[in-house]
Amino acid sequence: MATLKRIQTRLKSVKNIQKITQSMKMIAAARYTKAERELKPVRLYGDGATALYSAAEVEALDQKENHLIIAVSSDRGLCGGIHSNVSKAVKATMAEKGDTANVKMIIIGDKARTQLQRCLLLFICRLYADNIMFSVNDYGRKTPAFEDASMVAGALLDSGYEFDTGEIIFNRFRSVVSYKTSSQPVFPFNVLSQSEKMSIYDDVDSDILRCYSEFQLASILYYTLMEANCSEQSSRMTAMDNASKNAGKT
């Protein structure tokens, strides 16, 4: 049976935890306000970069060709199941593909990387570890910049991996209490150049189109990073608010 002293110690511990969660909520609220303000102009990057896909009526090649998945998470936790949802979406995509030998992944953030490559059944099976080309860590402490997206795009282009279809799995911000795990398609230069609608632009040189394709990849990455960052901050603010309320009910 709990003694009075033990109960007092427990109450004091819960109150201290409540103070911490309230402080973290205030910090997350400030970061969320900044992230939402910066997201609005960045959405133009995503709209402009994807407009060419619909205008040129770009279509994916055979689904059995090389497929690329870019999963966007971060290194920071205490934000609900926002990173787990990205991992679940990646696992669902891998399950749909069936044969995952021709599927490669780029993981942004340690949270999704840990969930997608951790071992199962006492180190008998490594989950998708062989499918990960490279991962980006030390990410999520600062607001994403276009340089971050350019770095990831450059690393992909320098890797020599030629993909035929690709997608970026990320959390799209909807409101302060809502986000949606979405998939944004990306296409390489060879698919874009083979589109029939692109042939109407006679003055478009292949080098110019290649440069635009690379810039388009970085722009879409930047857009998805900002969407994921805003979703993460709002989710962390909500999680810390719920934790503070639960501590008050103890």
C-alpha atoms as a PDB file:
ATOM      1  CA  MET A   1       0.000   0.000   0.000  1.00  0.00           C
ATOM      2  CA  ALA A   2       1.330   3.422  -0.998  1.00  0.00           C
ATOM      3  CA  THR A   3       2.420   5.643   1.850  1.00  0.00           C
ATOM      4  CA  LEU A   4       1.621   9.355   2.062  1.00  0.00           C
ATOM      5  CA  LYS A   5       5.235  10.283   1.355  1.00  0.00           C
ATOM      6  CA  ARG A   6       5.297   8.141  -1.776  1.00  0.00           C
ATOM      7  CA  ILE A   7       2.056   9.746  -3.010  1.00  0.00           C
ATOM      8  CA  GLN A   8       3.488  13.226  -2.445  1.00  0.00           C
ATOM      9  CA  THR A   9       6.634  12.300  -4.343  1.00  0.00           C
ATOM     10  CA  ARG A  10       4.556  10.966  -7.185  1.00  0.00           C
ATOM     11  CA  LEU A  11       2.413  14.122  -7.352  1.00  0.00           C
ATOM     12  CA  LYS A  12       5.504  16.301  -7.342  1.00  0.00           C
ATOM     13  CA  SER A  13       6.996  14.262 -10.196  1.00  0.00           C
ATOM     14  CA  VAL A  14       3.803  14.567 -12.254  1.00  0.00           C
ATOM     15  CA  LYS A  15       3.693  18.342 -11.700  1.00  0.00           C
ATOM     16  CA  ASN A  16       7.290  18.644 -12.865  1.00  0.00           C
ATOM     17  CA  ILE A  17       6.467  16.646 -15.987  1.00  0.00           C
ATOM     18  CA  GLN A  18       3.474  18.910 -16.602  1.00  0.00           C
ATOM     19  CA  LYS A  19       5.700  21.989 -16.434  1.00  0.00           C
ATOM     20  CA  ILE A  20       8.057  20.436 -18.981  1.00  0.00           C
ATOM     21  CA  THR A  21       5.276  19.505 -21.386  1.00  0.00           C
ATOM     22  CA  GLN A  22       3.726  22.975 -21.078  1.00  0.00           C
ATOM     23  CA  SER A  23       7.078  24.555 -21.911  1.00  0.00           C
ATOM     24  CA  MET A  24       7.525  22.224 -24.874  1.00  0.00           C
ATOM     25  CA  LYS A  25       4.026  23.106 -26.061  1.00  0.00           C
ATOM     26  CA  MET A  26       4.858  26.815 -26.022  1.00  0.00           C
ATOM     27  CA  ILE A  27       8.070  26.224 -27.966  1.00  0.00           C
ATOM     28  CA  ALA A  28       6.253  24.045 -30.501  1.00  0.00           C
ATOM     29  CA  ALA A  29       3.515  26.682 -30.849  1.00  0.00           C
ATOM     30  CA  ALA A  30       6.076  29.355 -31.701  1.00  0.00           C
ATOM     31  CA  ARG A  31       7.780  27.082 -34.215  1.00  0.00           C
ATOM     32  CA  TYR A  32       4.444  26.081 -35.701  1.00  0.00           C
ATOM     33  CA  THR A  33       3.445  29.712 -36.244  1.00  0.00           C
ATOM     34  CA  LYS A  34       6.709  30.353 -38.063  1.00  0.00           C
ATOM     35  CA  ALA A  35       6.444  27.136 -40.089  1.00  0.00           C
ATOM     36  CA  GLU A  36       2.886  27.885 -41.216  1.00  0.00           C
ATOM     37  CA  ARG A  37       3.837  31.420 -42.219  1.00  0.00           C
ATOM     38  CA  GLU A  38       6.789  30.185 -44.277  1.00  0.00           C
ATOM     39  CA  LEU A  39       4.826  27.328 -45.853  1.00  0.00           C
ATOM     40  CA  LYS A  40       2.360  29.524 -47.775  1.00  0.00           C
ATOM     41  CA  PRO A  41       4.862  30.987 -50.287  1.00  0.00           C
ATOM     42  CA  VAL A  42       6.711  27.663 -50.570  1.00  0.00           C
ATOM     43  CA  ARG A  43       3.573  25.945 -51.852  1.00  0.00           C
ATOM     44  CA  LEU A  44       4.156  27.864 -55.071  1.00  0.00           C
ATOM     45  CA  TYR A  45       7.283  25.735 -55.543  1.00  0.00           C
ATOM     46  CA  GLY A  46       5.219  22.582 -55.417  1.00  0.00           C
ATOM     47  CA  ASP A  47       2.450  23.909 -57.665  1.00  0.00           C
ATOM     48  CA  GLY A  48       4.896  25.259 -60.230  1.00  0.00           C
ATOM     49  CA  ALA A  49       7.090  22.171 -60.234  1.00  0.00           C
ATOM     50  CA  THR A  50       4.211  19.757 -60.698  1.00  0.00           C
ATOM     51  CA  ALA A  51       2.379  21.882 -63.273  1.00  0.00           C
ATOM     52  CA  LEU A  52       4.660  20.592 -66.025  1.00  0.00           C
ATOM     53  CA  TYR A  53       3.708  17.005 -65.255  1.00  0.00           C
ATOM     54  CA  SER A  54       0.038  17.648 -65.922  1.00  0.00           C
ATOM     55  CA  ALA A  55       0.656  20.015 -68.858  1.00  0.00           C
ATOM     56  CA  ALA A  56       2.980  17.554 -70.586  1.00  0.00           C
ATOM     57  CA  GLU A  57       0.773  14.604 -69.557  1.00  0.00           C
ATOM     58  CA  VAL A  58       3.767  12.719 -68.236  1.00  0.00           C
ATOM     59  CA  GLU A  59       2.966   9.064 -67.582  1.00  0.00           C
ATOM     60  CA  ALA A  60       4.926   6.480 -65.655  1.00  0.00           C
ATOM     61  CA  LEU A  61       6.586   3.590 -67.408  1.00  0.00           C
ATOM     62  CA  ASP A  62       6.057  -0.065 -66.609  1.00  0.00           C
ATOM     63  CA  GLN A  63       5.588  -0.548 -62.866  1.00  0.00           C
ATOM     64  CA  LYS A  64       8.179  -3.333 -62.947  1.00  0.00           C
ATOM     65  CA  GLU A  65      10.903  -0.811 -63.749  1.00  0.00           C
ATOM     66  CA  ASN A  66      13.162   0.805 -61.157  1.00  0.00           C
ATOM     67  CA  HIS A  67      11.163   2.673 -58.552  1.00  0.00           C
ATOM     68  CA  LEU A  68      12.419   5.292 -56.090  1.00  0.00           C
ATOM     69  CA  ILE A  69      10.832   6.167 -52.732  1.00  0.00           C
ATOM     70  CA  ILE A  70      11.881   9.248 -50.756  1.00  0.00           C
ATOM     71  CA  ALA A  71      10.508   9.136 -47.192  1.00  0.00           C
ATOM     72  CA  VAL A  72      10.425  12.431 -45.287  1.00  0.00           C
ATOM     73  CA  SER A  73      10.630  12.377 -41.483  1.00  0.00           C
ATOM     74  CA  SER A  74      13.075  13.973 -39.004  1.00  0.00           C
ATOM     75  CA  ASP A  75      15.381  13.171 -36.089  1.00  0.00           C
ATOM     76  CA  ARG A  76      13.044  14.572 -33.441  1.00  0.00           C
ATOM     77  CA  GLY A  77      10.243  12.762 -31.626  1.00  0.00           C
ATOM     78  CA  LEU A  78       7.477  13.583 -29.127  1.00  0.00           C
ATOM     79  CA  CYS A  79       5.124  14.477 -31.948  1.00  0.00           C
ATOM     80  CA  GLY A  80       2.575  11.682 -31.970  1.00  0.00           C
ATOM     81  CA  GLY A  81       2.537   9.093 -34.742  1.00  0.00           C
ATOM     82  CA  ILE A  82       3.565  11.431 -37.527  1.00  0.00           C
ATOM     83  CA  HIS A  83       6.760   9.540 -38.358  1.00  0.00           C
ATOM     84  CA  SER A  84       5.119   6.143 -37.951  1.00  0.00           C
ATOM     85  CA  ASN A  85       2.513   7.104 -40.547  1.00  0.00           C
ATOM     86  CA  VAL A  86       5.262   7.775 -43.091  1.00  0.00           C
ATOM     87  CA  SER A  87       6.844   4.395 -42.336  1.00  0.00           C
ATOM     88  CA  LYS A  88       3.475   2.652 -42.654  1.00  0.00           C
ATOM     89  CA  ALA A  89       2.885   4.307 -46.034  1.00  0.00           C
ATOM     90  CA  VAL A  90       6.316   3.161 -47.233  1.00  0.00           C
ATOM     91  CA  LYS A  91       5.651  -0.388 -46.041  1.00  0.00           C
ATOM     92  CA  ALA A  92       2.286  -0.380 -47.818  1.00  0.00           C
ATOM     93  CA  THR A  93       3.937   0.745 -51.045  1.00  0.00           C
ATOM     94  CA  MET A  94       6.591  -1.961 -50.717  1.00  0.00           C
ATOM     95  CA  ALA A  95       3.886  -4.541 -50.122  1.00  0.00           C
ATOM     96  CA  GLU A  96       2.061  -3.445 -53.274  1.00  0.00           C
ATOM     97  CA  LYS A  97       5.224  -3.771 -55.330  1.00  0.00           C
ATOM     98  CA  GLY A  98       5.686  -7.371 -54.245  1.00  0.00           C
ATOM     99  CA  ASP A  99       9.172  -7.818 -55.685  1.00  0.00           C
ATOM    100  CA  THR A 100      11.182  -5.112 -53.910  1.00  0.00           C
ATOM    101  CA  ALA A 101      14.508  -5.905 -55.567  1.00  0.00           C
ATOM    102  CA  ASN A 102      14.077  -3.015 -58.013  1.00  0.00           C
ATOM    103  CA  VAL A 103      12.872  -0.533 -55.366  1.00  0.00           C
ATOM    104  CA  LYS A 104      15.311   1.858 -53.716  1.00  0.00           C
ATOM    105  CA  MET A 105      14.694   4.277 -50.867  1.00  0.00           C
ATOM    106  CA  ILE A 106      16.121   7.555 -49.611  1.00  0.00           C
ATOM    107  CA  ILE A 107      15.264   8.251 -45.975  1.00  0.00           C
ATOM    108  CA  ILE A 108      15.277  11.794 -44.599  1.00  0.00           C
ATOM    109  CA  GLY A 109      15.421  11.695 -40.803  1.00  0.00           C
ATOM    110  CA  ASP A 110      16.493   9.021 -38.327  1.00  0.00           C
ATOM    111  CA  LYS A 111      12.964   8.238 -37.120  1.00  0.00           C
ATOM    112  CA  ALA A 112      11.784   6.684 -40.392  1.00  0.00           C
ATOM    113  CA  ARG A 113      15.198   5.130 -41.039  1.00  0.00           C
ATOM    114  CA  THR A 114      15.139   3.304 -37.693  1.00  0.00           C
ATOM    115  CA  GLN A 115      11.626   2.021 -38.296  1.00  0.00           C
ATOM    116  CA  LEU A 116      12.338   0.842 -41.839  1.00  0.00           C
ATOM    117  CA  GLN A 117      15.676  -0.884 -41.325  1.00  0.00           C
ATOM    118  CA  ARG A 118      15.337  -2.322 -37.822  1.00  0.00           C
ATOM    119  CA  CYS A 119      15.732  -6.058 -37.440  1.00  0.00           C
ATOM    120  CA  LEU A 120      12.895  -8.485 -36.984  1.00  0.00           C
ATOM    121  CA  LEU A 121      12.748 -11.903 -35.345  1.00  0.00           C
ATOM    122  CA  LEU A 122      15.908 -11.508 -33.278  1.00  0.00           C
ATOM    123  CA  PHE A 123      18.122 -10.228 -36.111  1.00  0.00           C
ATOM    124  CA  ILE A 124      17.018 -12.930 -38.539  1.00  0.00           C
ATOM    125  CA  CYS A 125      15.443 -10.483 -40.976  1.00  0.00           C
ATOM    126  CA  ARG A 126      16.468  -6.888 -41.615  1.00  0.00           C
ATOM    127  CA  LEU A 127      13.431  -4.911 -42.755  1.00  0.00           C
ATOM    128  CA  TYR A 128      14.169  -3.085 -46.044  1.00  0.00           C
ATOM    129  CA  ALA A 129      17.746  -2.320 -44.984  1.00  0.00           C
ATOM    130  CA  ASP A 130      19.085  -3.475 -48.348  1.00  0.00           C
ATOM    131  CA  ASN A 131      16.673  -1.183 -50.197  1.00  0.00           C
ATOM    132  CA  ILE A 132      17.955   2.012 -48.574  1.00  0.00           C
ATOM    133  CA  MET A 133      20.399   3.836 -50.850  1.00  0.00           C
ATOM    134  CA  PHE A 134      21.329   6.450 -48.268  1.00  0.00           C
ATOM    135  CA  SER A 135      19.778   8.358 -45.396  1.00  0.00           C
ATOM    136  CA  VAL A 136      20.000  11.964 -44.216  1.00  0.00           C
ATOM    137  CA  ASN A 137      20.418  12.473 -40.475  1.00  0.00           C
ATOM    138  CA  ASP A 138      20.835  15.517 -38.230  1.00  0.00           C
ATOM    139  CA  TYR A 139      17.666  16.876 -39.786  1.00  0.00           C
ATOM    140  CA  GLY A 140      14.656  18.509 -38.140  1.00  0.00           C
ATOM    141  CA  ARG A 141      16.267  20.835 -35.612  1.00  0.00           C
ATOM    142  CA  LYS A 142      16.170  23.796 -37.994  1.00  0.00           C
ATOM    143  CA  THR A 143      13.653  24.974 -40.562  1.00  0.00           C
ATOM    144  CA  PRO A 144      14.284  23.250 -43.916  1.00  0.00           C
ATOM    145  CA  ALA A 145      16.052  25.360 -46.526  1.00  0.00           C
ATOM    146  CA  PHE A 146      16.284  25.028 -50.289  1.00  0.00           C
ATOM    147  CA  GLU A 147      19.943  24.086 -49.811  1.00  0.00           C
ATOM    148  CA  ASP A 148      18.830  20.984 -47.890  1.00  0.00           C
ATOM    149  CA  ALA A 149      16.585  19.896 -50.759  1.00  0.00           C
ATOM    150  CA  SER A 150      19.352  20.639 -53.278  1.00  0.00           C
ATOM    151  CA  MET A 151      21.780  18.518 -51.259  1.00  0.00           C
ATOM    152  CA  VAL A 152      19.435  15.506 -51.315  1.00  0.00           C
ATOM    153  CA  ALA A 153      18.676  15.976 -55.015  1.00  0.00           C
ATOM    154  CA  GLY A 154      22.378  16.304 -55.791  1.00  0.00           C
ATOM    155  CA  ALA A 155      23.232  13.164 -53.821  1.00  0.00           C
ATOM    156  CA  LEU A 156      20.567  11.263 -55.745  1.00  0.00           C
ATOM    157  CA  LEU A 157      21.816  12.467 -59.118  1.00  0.00           C
ATOM    158  CA  ASP A 158      25.439  11.736 -58.188  1.00  0.00           C
ATOM    159  CA  SER A 159      24.599   8.216 -56.991  1.00  0.00           C
ATOM    160  CA  GLY A 160      24.221   6.991 -60.551  1.00  0.00           C
ATOM    161  CA  TYR A 161      20.917   5.268 -59.778  1.00  0.00           C
ATOM    162  CA  GLU A 162      18.554   5.547 -62.763  1.00  0.00           C
ATOM    163  CA  PHE A 163      14.922   5.298 -61.690  1.00  0.00           C
ATOM    164  CA  ASP A 164      11.929   5.183 -64.006  1.00  0.00           C
ATOM    165  CA  THR A 165       9.249   6.102 -61.490  1.00  0.00           C
ATOM    166  CA  GLY A 166       9.476   7.789 -58.134  1.00  0.00           C
ATOM    167  CA  GLU A 167       7.464   9.224 -55.289  1.00  0.00           C
ATOM    168  CA  ILE A 168       8.001  11.297 -52.171  1.00  0.00           C
ATOM    169  CA  ILE A 169       6.044  10.136 -49.120  1.00  0.00           C
ATOM    170  CA  PHE A 170       5.487  12.948 -46.646  1.00  0.00           C
ATOM    171  CA  ASN A 171       2.937  14.514 -44.306  1.00  0.00           C
ATOM    172  CA  ARG A 172       0.878  17.244 -45.954  1.00  0.00           C
ATOM    173  CA  PHE A 173      -0.281  19.974 -43.567  1.00  0.00           C
ATOM    174  CA  ARG A 174      -4.031  20.575 -43.474  1.00  0.00           C
ATOM    175  CA  SER A 175      -4.776  22.391 -40.209  1.00  0.00           C
ATOM    176  CA  VAL A 176      -3.358  22.826 -36.731  1.00  0.00           C
ATOM    177  CA  VAL A 177      -4.918  19.518 -35.668  1.00  0.00           C
ATOM    178  CA  SER A 178      -4.850  17.673 -38.976  1.00  0.00           C
ATOM    179  CA  TYR A 179      -2.353  16.396 -41.518  1.00  0.00           C
ATOM    180  CA  LYS A 180      -2.465  13.787 -44.253  1.00  0.00           C
ATOM    181  CA  THR A 181       0.252  11.339 -45.249  1.00  0.00           C
ATOM    182  CA  SER A 182       0.518  11.836 -48.999  1.00  0.00           C
ATOM    183  CA  SER A 183       2.551  10.733 -51.992  1.00  0.00           C
ATOM    184  CA  GLN A 184       4.014  13.176 -54.503  1.00  0.00           C
ATOM    185  CA  PRO A 185       5.156  11.626 -57.809  1.00  0.00           C
ATOM    186  CA  VAL A 186       8.498  12.577 -59.336  1.00  0.00           C
ATOM    187  CA  PHE A 187       9.775  11.687 -62.787  1.00  0.00           C
ATOM    188  CA  PRO A 188      13.353  11.574 -64.092  1.00  0.00           C
ATOM    189  CA  PHE A 189      14.669  13.319 -67.167  1.00  0.00           C
ATOM    190  CA  ASN A 190      14.301  10.328 -69.494  1.00  0.00           C
ATOM    191  CA  VAL A 191      10.574   9.956 -68.744  1.00  0.00           C
ATOM    192  CA  LEU A 192      10.000  13.683 -69.107  1.00  0.00           C
ATOM    193  CA  SER A 193      11.823  13.868 -72.436  1.00  0.00           C
ATOM    194  CA  GLN A 194       9.825  10.932 -73.854  1.00  0.00           C
ATOM    195  CA  SER A 195       6.492  12.649 -73.296  1.00  0.00           C
ATOM    196  CA  GLU A 196       4.643  13.335 -76.547  1.00  0.00           C
ATOM    197  CA  LYS A 197       3.529  16.780 -75.416  1.00  0.00           C
ATOM    198  CA  MET A 198       7.149  17.865 -74.883  1.00  0.00           C
ATOM    199  CA  SER A 199       7.796  17.497 -78.619  1.00  0.00           C
ATOM    200  CA  ILE A 200       5.719  20.619 -79.340  1.00  0.00           C
ATOM    201  CA  TYR A 201       8.475  22.725 -77.781  1.00  0.00           C
ATOM    202  CA  ASP A 202      10.950  22.611 -80.642  1.00  0.00           C
ATOM    203  CA  ASP A 203      13.268  25.166 -79.062  1.00  0.00           C
ATOM    204  CA  VAL A 204      13.779  23.176 -75.879  1.00  0.00           C
ATOM    205  CA  ASP A 205      17.293  21.780 -75.873  1.00  0.00           C
ATOM    206  CA  SER A 206      17.950  18.497 -74.082  1.00  0.00           C
ATOM    207  CA  ASP A 207      20.502  20.164 -71.788  1.00  0.00           C
ATOM    208  CA  ILE A 208      17.995  22.846 -70.828  1.00  0.00           C
ATOM    209  CA  LEU A 209      15.340  20.234 -70.143  1.00  0.00           C
ATOM    210  CA  ARG A 210      17.797  18.217 -68.056  1.00  0.00           C
ATOM    211  CA  CYS A 211      18.701  21.271 -65.970  1.00  0.00           C
ATOM    212  CA  TYR A 212      15.048  22.068 -65.469  1.00  0.00           C
ATOM    213  CA  SER A 213      14.339  18.478 -64.476  1.00  0.00           C
ATOM    214  CA  GLU A 214      17.043  18.650 -61.806  1.00  0.00           C
ATOM    215  CA  PHE A 215      15.772  21.995 -60.518  1.00  0.00           C
ATOM    216  CA  GLN A 216      12.237  20.620 -60.506  1.00  0.00           C
ATOM    217  CA  LEU A 217      13.311  17.689 -58.334  1.00  0.00           C
ATOM    218  CA  ALA A 218      14.914  20.036 -55.797  1.00  0.00           C
ATOM    219  CA  SER A 219      11.835  22.297 -55.822  1.00  0.00           C
ATOM    220  CA  ILE A 220       9.431  19.435 -55.142  1.00  0.00           C
ATOM    221  CA  LEU A 221      11.700  18.164 -52.366  1.00  0.00           C
ATOM    222  CA  TYR A 222      11.808  21.613 -50.787  1.00  0.00           C
ATOM    223  CA  TYR A 223       8.023  21.847 -50.911  1.00  0.00           C
ATOM    224  CA  THR A 224       7.531  18.436 -49.285  1.00  0.00           C
ATOM    225  CA  LEU A 225      10.125  19.194 -46.592  1.00  0.00           C
ATOM    226  CA  MET A 226       8.280  22.357 -45.626  1.00  0.00           C
ATOM    227  CA  GLU A 227       4.917  20.571 -45.584  1.00  0.00           C
ATOM    228  CA  ALA A 228       6.359  17.851 -43.348  1.00  0.00           C
ATOM    229  CA  ASN A 229       7.991  20.398 -41.042  1.00  0.00           C
ATOM    230  CA  CYS A 230       4.749  22.309 -40.512  1.00  0.00           C
ATOM    231  CA  SER A 231       2.847  19.066 -39.891  1.00  0.00           C
ATOM    232  CA  GLU A 232       5.466  17.957 -37.372  1.00  0.00           C
ATOM    233  CA  GLN A 233       5.374  21.204 -35.389  1.00  0.00           C
ATOM    234  CA  SER A 234       1.575  21.239 -35.202  1.00  0.00           C
ATOM    235  CA  SER A 235       1.516  17.558 -34.209  1.00  0.00           C
ATOM    236  CA  ARG A 236       4.130  18.149 -31.478  1.00  0.00           C
ATOM    237  CA  MET A 237       2.143  21.092 -30.127  1.00  0.00           C
ATOM    238  CA  THR A 238      -1.004  18.944 -29.971  1.00  0.00           C
ATOM    239  CA  ALA A 239       0.866  16.039 -28.362  1.00  0.00           C
ATOM    240  CA  MET A 240       2.380  18.245 -25.643  1.00  0.00           C
ATOM    241  CA  ASP A 241      -1.005  19.847 -24.989  1.00  0.00           C
ATOM    242  CA  ASN A 242      -2.593  16.430 -24.506  1.00  0.00           C
ATOM    243  CA  ALA A 243       0.278  15.353 -22.245  1.00  0.00           C
ATOM    244  CA  SER A 244      -0.182  18.466 -20.080  1.00  0.00           C
ATOM    245  CA  LYS A 245      -3.910  17.818 -19.760  1.00  0.00           C
ATOM    246  CA  ASN A 246      -3.346  14.181 -18.845  1.00  0.00           C
ATOM    247  CA  ALA A 247      -0.811  15.185 -16.197  1.00  0.00           C
ATOM    248  CA  GLY A 248      -3.352  17.582 -14.695  1.00  0.00           C
ATOM    249  CA  LYS A 249      -5.906  14.801 -14.374  1.00  0.00           C
ATOM    250  CA  THR A 250      -3.540  12.579 -12.396  1.00  0.00           C
END
